[in-house]
């Protein structure tokens, strides 16, 4: 499965099924959409999922409290 195809099958945790790693071509990469990153367990490569044609939504905003 290609990374862009995997992004069409996001589970309830915001993760994709395993797909072909763009670096080593093993089907052992997985993306985490809320974090906007992917990681391959075979070659330990990682990167941004925007490389698969997904829009970069960035990380959710967090509130900063002054102490």
PDB file of N, CA and C in Angstrom:
ATOM      1  N   UNK A   1       0.846  -1.178   0.000  1.00  0.00           N
ATOM      2  CA  UNK A   1       0.000   0.000   0.000  1.00  0.00           C
ATOM      3  C   UNK A   1       0.892   1.243   0.000  1.00  0.00           C
ATOM      4  N   UNK A   2       0.496   2.226  -0.769  1.00  0.00           N
ATOM      5  CA  UNK A   2       1.205   3.507  -0.813  1.00  0.00           C
ATOM      6  C   UNK A   2       0.807   4.358   0.392  1.00  0.00           C
ATOM      7  N   UNK A   3       1.672   5.271   0.789  1.00  0.00           N
ATOM      8  CA  UNK A   3       1.381   6.146   1.918  1.00  0.00           C
ATOM      9  C   UNK A   3       0.129   6.976   1.706  1.00  0.00           C
ATOM     10  N   UNK A   4      -0.060   7.487   0.484  1.00  0.00           N
ATOM     11  CA  UNK A   4      -1.240   8.310   0.212  1.00  0.00           C
ATOM     12  C   UNK A   4      -2.520   7.476   0.303  1.00  0.00           C
ATOM     13  N   UNK A   5      -2.456   6.202  -0.099  1.00  0.00           N
ATOM     14  CA  UNK A   5      -3.619   5.321   0.030  1.00  0.00           C
ATOM     15  C   UNK A   5      -3.897   4.999   1.494  1.00  0.00           C
ATOM     16  N   UNK A   6      -2.841   4.813   2.273  1.00  0.00           N
ATOM     17  CA  UNK A   6      -2.998   4.489   3.688  1.00  0.00           C
ATOM     18  C   UNK A   6      -3.714   5.607   4.434  1.00  0.00           C
ATOM     19  N   UNK A   7      -3.513   6.847   3.996  1.00  0.00           N
ATOM     20  CA  UNK A   7      -4.150   7.985   4.667  1.00  0.00           C
ATOM     21  C   UNK A   7      -5.664   7.991   4.487  1.00  0.00           C
ATOM     22  N   UNK A   8      -6.175   7.186   3.566  1.00  0.00           N
ATOM     23  CA  UNK A   8      -7.616   7.088   3.362  1.00  0.00           C
ATOM     24  C   UNK A   8      -8.260   6.104   4.341  1.00  0.00           C
ATOM     25  N   UNK A   9      -7.436   5.389   5.130  1.00  0.00           N
ATOM     26  CA  UNK A   9      -7.939   4.341   6.020  1.00  0.00           C
ATOM     27  C   UNK A   9      -7.498   4.589   7.459  1.00  0.00           C
ATOM     28  N   UNK A  10      -7.715   5.773   7.957  1.00  0.00           N
ATOM     29  CA  UNK A  10      -7.284   6.141   9.306  1.00  0.00           C
ATOM     30  C   UNK A  10      -8.223   5.513  10.335  1.00  0.00           C
ATOM     31  N   UNK A  11      -7.646   4.904  11.379  1.00  0.00           N
ATOM     32  CA  UNK A  11      -8.459   4.275  12.416  1.00  0.00           C
ATOM     33  C   UNK A  11      -8.894   5.292  13.472  1.00  0.00           C
ATOM     34  N   UNK A  12      -9.580   4.830  14.495  1.00  0.00           N
ATOM     35  CA  UNK A  12     -10.113   5.742  15.516  1.00  0.00           C
ATOM     36  C   UNK A  12      -9.028   6.408  16.347  1.00  0.00           C
ATOM     37  N   UNK A  13      -7.794   5.928  16.248  1.00  0.00           N
ATOM     38  CA  UNK A  13      -6.670   6.535  16.981  1.00  0.00           C
ATOM     39  C   UNK A  13      -5.885   7.516  16.109  1.00  0.00           C
ATOM     40  N   UNK A  14      -6.346   7.721  14.872  1.00  0.00           N
ATOM     41  CA  UNK A  14      -5.657   8.634  13.963  1.00  0.00           C
ATOM     42  C   UNK A  14      -4.446   8.017  13.303  1.00  0.00           C
ATOM     43  N   UNK A  15      -4.367   6.664  13.285  1.00  0.00           N
ATOM     44  CA  UNK A  15      -3.226   5.985  12.674  1.00  0.00           C
ATOM     45  C   UNK A  15      -3.649   5.249  11.411  1.00  0.00           C
ATOM     46  N   UNK A  16      -2.712   5.098  10.500  1.00  0.00           N
ATOM     47  CA  UNK A  16      -2.955   4.398   9.243  1.00  0.00           C
ATOM     48  C   UNK A  16      -2.544   2.938   9.360  1.00  0.00           C
ATOM     49  N   UNK A  17      -2.991   2.104   8.410  1.00  0.00           N
ATOM     50  CA  UNK A  17      -2.441   0.753   8.351  1.00  0.00           C
ATOM     51  C   UNK A  17      -0.991   0.818   7.867  1.00  0.00           C
ATOM     52  N   UNK A  18      -0.288  -0.297   7.940  1.00  0.00           N
ATOM     53  CA  UNK A  18       1.096  -0.331   7.462  1.00  0.00           C
ATOM     54  C   UNK A  18       1.135  -0.085   5.959  1.00  0.00           C
ATOM     55  N   UNK A  19       2.157   0.646   5.524  1.00  0.00           N
ATOM     56  CA  UNK A  19       2.339   0.931   4.100  1.00  0.00           C
ATOM     57  C   UNK A  19       3.813   0.836   3.744  1.00  0.00           C
ATOM     58  N   UNK A  20       4.104   0.880   2.437  1.00  0.00           N
ATOM     59  CA  UNK A  20       5.480   0.768   1.953  1.00  0.00           C
ATOM     60  C   UNK A  20       6.296   1.985   2.364  1.00  0.00           C
ATOM     61  N   UNK A  21       7.402   1.734   3.036  1.00  0.00           N
ATOM     62  CA  UNK A  21       8.294   2.817   3.457  1.00  0.00           C
ATOM     63  C   UNK A  21       8.924   3.454   2.222  1.00  0.00           C
ATOM     64  N   UNK A  22       8.928   4.781   2.127  1.00  0.00           N
ATOM     65  CA  UNK A  22       9.545   5.444   0.975  1.00  0.00           C
ATOM     66  C   UNK A  22      11.068   5.290   0.945  1.00  0.00           C
ATOM     67  N   UNK A  23      11.666   4.863   2.051  1.00  0.00           N
ATOM     68  CA  UNK A  23      13.119   4.712   2.100  1.00  0.00           C
ATOM     69  C   UNK A  23      13.572   3.278   1.797  1.00  0.00           C
ATOM     70  N   UNK A  24      12.962   2.277   2.475  1.00  0.00           N
ATOM     71  CA  UNK A  24      13.441   0.900   2.321  1.00  0.00           C
ATOM     72  C   UNK A  24      12.475   0.003   1.550  1.00  0.00           C
ATOM     73  N   UNK A  25      11.300   0.500   1.187  1.00  0.00           N
ATOM     74  CA  UNK A  25      10.279  -0.230   0.432  1.00  0.00           C
ATOM     75  C   UNK A  25       9.672  -1.418   1.181  1.00  0.00           C
ATOM     76  N   UNK A  26       9.937  -1.568   2.459  1.00  0.00           N
ATOM     77  CA  UNK A  26       9.283  -2.605   3.252  1.00  0.00           C
ATOM     78  C   UNK A  26       7.914  -2.087   3.696  1.00  0.00           C
ATOM     79  N   UNK A  27       6.939  -2.978   3.782  1.00  0.00           N
ATOM     80  CA  UNK A  27       5.615  -2.572   4.254  1.00  0.00           C
ATOM     81  C   UNK A  27       5.618  -2.563   5.780  1.00  0.00           C
ATOM     82  N   UNK A  28       6.319  -1.594   6.343  1.00  0.00           N
ATOM     83  CA  UNK A  28       6.448  -1.515   7.798  1.00  0.00           C
ATOM     84  C   UNK A  28       6.423  -0.078   8.298  1.00  0.00           C
ATOM     85  N   UNK A  29       5.866   0.824   7.495  1.00  0.00           N
ATOM     86  CA  UNK A  29       5.735   2.219   7.909  1.00  0.00           C
ATOM     87  C   UNK A  29       4.292   2.474   8.331  1.00  0.00           C
ATOM     88  N   UNK A  30       4.124   3.355   9.297  1.00  0.00           N
ATOM     89  CA  UNK A  30       2.798   3.707   9.797  1.00  0.00           C
ATOM     90  C   UNK A  30       2.781   5.197  10.107  1.00  0.00           C
ATOM     91  N   UNK A  31       1.675   5.850   9.787  1.00  0.00           N
ATOM     92  CA  UNK A  31       1.562   7.287  10.030  1.00  0.00           C
ATOM     93  C   UNK A  31       0.624   7.557  11.197  1.00  0.00           C
ATOM     94  N   UNK A  32       0.936   8.608  11.937  1.00  0.00           N
ATOM     95  CA  UNK A  32       0.085   9.099  13.005  1.00  0.00           C
ATOM     96  C   UNK A  32      -0.387  10.477  12.570  1.00  0.00           C
ATOM     97  N   UNK A  33      -1.634  10.565  12.154  1.00  0.00           N
ATOM     98  CA  UNK A  33      -2.159  11.796  11.573  1.00  0.00           C
ATOM     99  C   UNK A  33      -2.215  12.959  12.568  1.00  0.00           C
ATOM    100  N   UNK A  34      -2.681  12.742  13.821  1.00  0.00           N
ATOM    101  CA  UNK A  34      -2.688  13.888  14.751  1.00  0.00           C
ATOM    102  C   UNK A  34      -1.288  14.481  14.968  1.00  0.00           C
ATOM    103  N   UNK A  35      -0.259  13.649  14.946  1.00  0.00           N
ATOM    104  CA  UNK A  35       1.108  14.154  15.111  1.00  0.00           C
ATOM    105  C   UNK A  35       1.743  14.555  13.788  1.00  0.00           C
ATOM    106  N   UNK A  36       1.091  14.181  12.663  1.00  0.00           N
ATOM    107  CA  UNK A  36       1.536  14.524  11.313  1.00  0.00           C
ATOM    108  C   UNK A  36       2.910  13.912  10.985  1.00  0.00           C
ATOM    109  N   UNK A  37       3.172  12.702  11.499  1.00  0.00           N
ATOM    110  CA  UNK A  37       4.450  12.039  11.236  1.00  0.00           C
ATOM    111  C   UNK A  37       4.224  10.579  10.839  1.00  0.00           C
ATOM    112  N   UNK A  38       5.226  10.003  10.182  1.00  0.00           N
ATOM    113  CA  UNK A  38       5.224   8.576   9.897  1.00  0.00           C
ATOM    114  C   UNK A  38       6.543   8.009  10.394  1.00  0.00           C
ATOM    115  N   UNK A  39       6.551   6.690  10.628  1.00  0.00           N
ATOM    116  CA  UNK A  39       7.755   6.020  11.114  1.00  0.00           C
ATOM    117  C   UNK A  39       7.801   4.599  10.559  1.00  0.00           C
ATOM    118  N   UNK A  40       8.978   4.145  10.168  1.00  0.00           N
ATOM    119  CA  UNK A  40       9.179   2.792   9.666  1.00  0.00           C
ATOM    120  C   UNK A  40       9.925   1.982  10.720  1.00  0.00           C
ATOM    121  N   UNK A  41       9.364   0.837  11.097  1.00  0.00           N
ATOM    122  CA  UNK A  41      10.019  -0.005  12.094  1.00  0.00           C
ATOM    123  C   UNK A  41      11.132  -0.853  11.493  1.00  0.00           C
ATOM    124  N   UNK A  42      11.166  -1.003  10.169  1.00  0.00           N
ATOM    125  CA  UNK A  42      12.206  -1.817   9.529  1.00  0.00           C
ATOM    126  C   UNK A  42      13.540  -1.079   9.442  1.00  0.00           C
ATOM    127  N   UNK A  43      13.509   0.183   9.006  1.00  0.00           N
ATOM    128  CA  UNK A  43      14.763   0.927   8.818  1.00  0.00           C
ATOM    129  C   UNK A  43      14.897   2.123   9.752  1.00  0.00           C
ATOM    130  N   UNK A  44      13.911   2.350  10.613  1.00  0.00           N
ATOM    131  CA  UNK A  44      13.902   3.433  11.596  1.00  0.00           C
ATOM    132  C   UNK A  44      13.831   4.824  10.963  1.00  0.00           C
ATOM    133  N   UNK A  45      13.377   4.901   9.714  1.00  0.00           N
ATOM    134  CA  UNK A  45      13.193   6.207   9.063  1.00  0.00           C
ATOM    135  C   UNK A  45      11.896   6.828   9.558  1.00  0.00           C
ATOM    136  N   UNK A  46      11.807   8.146   9.469  1.00  0.00           N
ATOM    137  CA  UNK A  46      10.581   8.845   9.829  1.00  0.00           C
ATOM    138  C   UNK A  46      10.528  10.157   9.060  1.00  0.00           C
ATOM    139  N   UNK A  47       9.360  10.772   9.047  1.00  0.00           N
ATOM    140  CA  UNK A  47       9.210  12.040   8.349  1.00  0.00           C
ATOM    141  C   UNK A  47       7.804  12.577   8.514  1.00  0.00           C
ATOM    142  N   UNK A  48       7.540  13.667   7.804  1.00  0.00           N
ATOM    143  CA  UNK A  48       6.233  14.325   7.851  1.00  0.00           C
ATOM    144  C   UNK A  48       5.303  13.671   6.854  1.00  0.00           C
ATOM    145  N   UNK A  49       4.035  13.472   7.195  1.00  0.00           N
ATOM    146  CA  UNK A  49       3.104  12.842   6.269  1.00  0.00           C
ATOM    147  C   UNK A  49       2.676  13.769   5.145  1.00  0.00           C
ATOM    148  N   UNK A  50       3.032  15.036   5.195  1.00  0.00           N
ATOM    149  CA  UNK A  50       2.699  15.937   4.093  1.00  0.00           C
ATOM    150  C   UNK A  50       3.382  15.496   2.807  1.00  0.00           C
ATOM    151  N   UNK A  51       4.442  14.694   2.914  1.00  0.00           N
ATOM    152  CA  UNK A  51       5.113  14.161   1.737  1.00  0.00           C
ATOM    153  C   UNK A  51       4.247  13.176   0.973  1.00  0.00           C
ATOM    154  N   UNK A  52       3.165  12.700   1.564  1.00  0.00           N
ATOM    155  CA  UNK A  52       2.257  11.772   0.908  1.00  0.00           C
ATOM    156  C   UNK A  52       1.051  12.483   0.320  1.00  0.00           C
ATOM    157  N   UNK A  53       1.095  13.788   0.232  1.00  0.00           N
ATOM    158  CA  UNK A  53      -0.005  14.539  -0.343  1.00  0.00           C
ATOM    159  C   UNK A  53      -1.069  14.945   0.652  1.00  0.00           C
ATOM    160  N   UNK A  54      -0.812  14.742   1.931  1.00  0.00           N
ATOM    161  CA  UNK A  54      -1.781  15.128   2.960  1.00  0.00           C
ATOM    162  C   UNK A  54      -1.572  16.591   3.326  1.00  0.00           C
ATOM    163  N   UNK A  55      -2.641  17.313   3.583  1.00  0.00           N
ATOM    164  CA  UNK A  55      -2.473  18.710   4.010  1.00  0.00           C
ATOM    165  C   UNK A  55      -1.806  18.773   5.373  1.00  0.00           C
ATOM    166  N   UNK A  56      -0.967  19.757   5.559  1.00  0.00           N
ATOM    167  CA  UNK A  56      -0.274  19.917   6.844  1.00  0.00           C
ATOM    168  C   UNK A  56      -1.185  20.685   7.793  1.00  0.00           C
ATOM    169  N   UNK A  57      -1.833  19.952   8.671  1.00  0.00           N
ATOM    170  CA  UNK A  57      -2.723  20.582   9.645  1.00  0.00           C
ATOM    171  C   UNK A  57      -1.946  21.063  10.854  1.00  0.00           C
ATOM    172  N   UNK A  58      -0.714  20.596  10.991  1.00  0.00           N
ATOM    173  CA  UNK A  58       0.097  21.002  12.123  1.00  0.00           C
ATOM    174  C   UNK A  58      -0.404  20.393  13.413  1.00  0.00           C
ATOM    175  N   UNK A  59       0.266  20.700  14.468  1.00  0.00           N
ATOM    176  CA  UNK A  59      -0.135  20.208  15.771  1.00  0.00           C
ATOM    177  C   UNK A  59      -1.246  21.072  16.338  1.00  0.00           C
ATOM    178  N   UNK A  60      -2.114  20.499  17.139  1.00  0.00           N
ATOM    179  CA  UNK A  60      -3.185  21.311  17.722  1.00  0.00           C
ATOM    180  C   UNK A  60      -2.602  22.385  18.645  1.00  0.00           C
ATOM    181  N   UNK A  61      -3.271  23.506  18.674  1.00  0.00           N
ATOM    182  CA  UNK A  61      -2.822  24.606  19.525  1.00  0.00           C
ATOM    183  C   UNK A  61      -3.001  24.235  20.992  1.00  0.00           C
ATOM    184  N   UNK A  62      -2.078  24.675  21.799  1.00  0.00           N
ATOM    185  CA  UNK A  62      -2.187  24.441  23.235  1.00  0.00           C
ATOM    186  C   UNK A  62      -2.255  25.777  23.939  1.00  0.00           C
ATOM    187  N   UNK A  63      -2.942  25.798  25.038  1.00  0.00           N
ATOM    188  CA  UNK A  63      -3.093  27.031  25.810  1.00  0.00           C
ATOM    189  C   UNK A  63      -1.924  27.159  26.767  1.00  0.00           C
ATOM    190  N   UNK A  64      -1.364  28.345  26.850  1.00  0.00           N
ATOM    191  CA  UNK A  64      -0.245  28.610  27.755  1.00  0.00           C
ATOM    192  C   UNK A  64      -0.775  29.434  28.908  1.00  0.00           C
ATOM    193  N   UNK A  65      -0.500  28.960  30.089  1.00  0.00           N
ATOM    194  CA  UNK A  65      -0.915  29.689  31.288  1.00  0.00           C
ATOM    195  C   UNK A  65       0.276  30.409  31.896  1.00  0.00           C
ATOM    196  N   UNK A  66       0.107  31.681  32.164  1.00  0.00           N
ATOM    197  CA  UNK A  66       1.140  32.434  32.861  1.00  0.00           C
ATOM    198  C   UNK A  66       1.067  32.111  34.341  1.00  0.00           C
ATOM    199  N   UNK A  67       2.221  31.869  34.931  1.00  0.00           N
ATOM    200  CA  UNK A  67       2.251  31.539  36.359  1.00  0.00           C
ATOM    201  C   UNK A  67       2.841  32.678  37.116  1.00  0.00           C
TER     202      UNK A  67
END
